Protein backbone atom coordinates (compact mmCIF):
# COMPACT_ATOMS: atom_id res chain seq x y z
CA PRO A 1 24.21 25.07 -26.89
CA PRO A 2 22.81 24.81 -23.60
CA LYS A 3 24.61 22.26 -21.34
CA LEU A 4 21.83 18.95 -20.50
CA PRO A 5 21.57 17.94 -16.86
CA SER A 6 23.32 14.56 -16.15
CA VAL A 7 21.78 11.51 -15.29
CA ASN A 8 22.34 9.42 -12.40
CA MET A 9 21.75 5.84 -13.48
CA ASP A 10 21.56 4.36 -10.28
CA HIS A 11 17.46 6.30 -10.34
CA VAL A 12 16.82 4.95 -13.94
CA ARG A 13 15.52 1.25 -14.28
CA LEU A 14 14.78 0.02 -17.63
CA ALA A 15 11.56 -2.35 -17.80
CA LYS A 16 11.61 -4.96 -20.82
CA LEU A 17 8.55 -5.83 -21.43
CA MET A 18 7.29 -8.82 -24.30
CA GLY A 19 6.04 -7.50 -27.49
CA GLY A 20 6.17 -4.37 -29.36
CA ASN A 21 9.80 -2.49 -30.68
CA ILE A 22 11.86 0.37 -30.22
CA HIS A 23 9.18 2.76 -31.23
CA MET A 24 6.48 1.98 -29.06
CA SER A 25 9.14 2.56 -25.97
CA SER A 26 8.28 5.81 -23.92
CA VAL A 27 9.93 7.53 -21.19
CA LEU A 28 7.75 7.94 -17.85
CA LYS A 29 8.32 10.51 -15.42
CA GLY A 30 8.14 9.18 -11.45
CA MET A 31 7.39 5.65 -10.58
CA VAL A 32 6.27 2.35 -11.94
CA ILE A 33 5.28 -0.50 -10.54
CA ARG A 34 4.98 -3.90 -12.34
CA ARG A 35 2.87 -5.75 -9.76
CA PRO A 36 -0.85 -4.95 -9.83
CA PRO A 37 -2.36 -2.88 -7.17
CA ALA A 38 -4.41 -4.71 -3.95
CA SER A 39 -6.63 -1.73 -3.55
CA LEU A 40 -9.18 -0.44 -5.58
CA ALA A 41 -7.34 2.54 -6.64
CA SER A 42 -4.76 2.12 -9.57
CA LYS A 43 -3.61 5.59 -10.06
CA LYS A 44 -1.78 7.97 -8.11
CA GLU A 45 -0.24 11.46 -9.13
CA ASN A 46 2.13 13.58 -7.35
CA ALA A 47 1.28 11.12 -4.42
CA LYS A 48 2.85 11.07 -1.05
CA VAL A 49 4.37 7.43 -0.92
CA ALA A 50 4.50 4.98 2.55
CA VAL A 51 6.82 2.17 2.16
CA PHE A 52 6.25 -0.88 5.09
CA GLY A 53 8.75 -3.48 5.45
CA THR A 54 5.90 -6.01 6.84
CA ALA A 55 2.67 -6.59 6.42
CA ILE A 56 -0.16 -4.52 6.79
CA GLU A 57 -2.87 -5.97 8.63
CA ALA A 58 -4.51 -6.42 12.65
CA SER A 59 -1.48 -6.32 14.93
CA GLN A 60 -0.58 -9.64 16.55
CA THR A 61 0.53 -9.94 19.90
CA GLU A 62 3.57 -11.26 20.92
CA THR A 63 2.55 -14.27 23.37
CA LYS A 64 0.03 -16.55 22.81
CA GLY A 65 -3.07 -16.63 24.90
CA THR A 66 -6.91 -17.90 25.02
CA VAL A 67 -9.74 -15.42 24.47
CA LYS A 68 -13.14 -17.21 26.22
CA ILE A 69 -16.14 -15.80 24.39
CA THR A 70 -19.61 -16.78 25.96
CA SER A 71 -22.22 -14.33 23.91
CA ALA A 72 -22.36 -13.72 20.38
CA ASP A 73 -22.27 -9.82 21.43
CA GLU A 74 -18.58 -10.69 22.98
CA LEU A 75 -17.64 -11.87 19.83
CA LYS A 76 -18.83 -8.67 17.98
CA ASN A 77 -16.96 -6.57 20.78
CA TYR A 78 -13.78 -8.25 20.25
CA ASN A 79 -14.17 -7.83 16.52
CA LYS A 80 -15.04 -4.31 16.69
CA SER A 81 -12.17 -3.39 19.04
CA GLU A 82 -9.62 -5.06 16.07
CA GLU A 83 -11.65 -3.16 13.58
CA SER A 84 -11.57 0.20 14.94
CA LEU A 85 -7.69 -0.27 15.79
CA LEU A 86 -7.16 -0.72 12.24
CA ASP A 87 -9.45 2.14 10.90
CA GLU A 88 -7.74 4.39 13.24
CA GLN A 89 -4.23 3.01 12.02
CA ILE A 90 -5.12 3.43 8.52
CA ARG A 91 -6.53 6.92 8.59
CA GLY A 92 -3.86 8.07 10.95
CA ILE A 93 -1.54 7.31 7.73
CA LYS A 94 -4.04 9.02 5.45
CA GLU A 95 -4.29 12.31 7.47
CA SER A 96 -0.71 12.37 7.21
CA GLY A 97 -0.92 12.82 3.57
CA VAL A 98 0.10 9.39 2.56
CA ASP A 99 -1.67 8.07 -0.92
CA VAL A 100 0.20 5.15 -1.79
CA LEU A 101 1.11 2.14 0.47
CA ILE A 102 3.98 -0.08 -0.52
CA SER A 103 4.23 -3.53 1.37
CA GLY A 104 6.54 -5.55 2.07
CA GLY A 105 4.71 -8.21 2.68
CA SER A 106 0.96 -9.46 2.77
CA ILE A 107 -2.08 -6.94 3.40
CA SER A 108 -5.04 -8.05 5.31
CA HIS A 109 -8.64 -8.11 3.56
CA MET A 110 -9.43 -5.98 6.48
CA ALA A 111 -6.83 -3.47 5.93
CA LEU A 112 -7.93 -3.29 2.06
CA HIS A 113 -11.21 -2.23 3.25
CA PHE A 114 -9.82 0.83 5.30
CA ILE A 115 -7.28 1.67 2.23
CA ASP A 116 -10.26 1.57 0.11
CA LYS A 117 -12.24 3.57 2.34
CA TYR A 118 -9.78 6.27 2.30
CA ASP A 119 -9.27 5.93 -1.40
CA MET A 120 -5.59 5.07 -0.96
CA LEU A 121 -3.56 3.20 -3.42
CA ALA A 122 -1.93 -0.28 -1.99
CA VAL A 123 0.82 -2.12 -3.62
């Protein structure tokens, strides 16, 4: 008989779900995440995955300050500059070939908008 390949048990995760029996079990090749996706996309195959240990959101400065906005146009421009920066960052991640983002923190609504825009999956 042919020699079977050995399996490193460090690469195997057993997930017990309520209900069912042993005959309803199956082996999946790849990765299963038990948390629902935050993005509109819910499934990706043969994807490049980027794992971030931090939240995915617009960057914040390290110092506190006050921004004086005196008109509606200034407010629009301030928001657009934040949006365009986050758009560039998410687009750059997508252009590097990444299809799935896993965040160790929260994902802002604005970041989710751009993640969905570039058809990526985020967890």
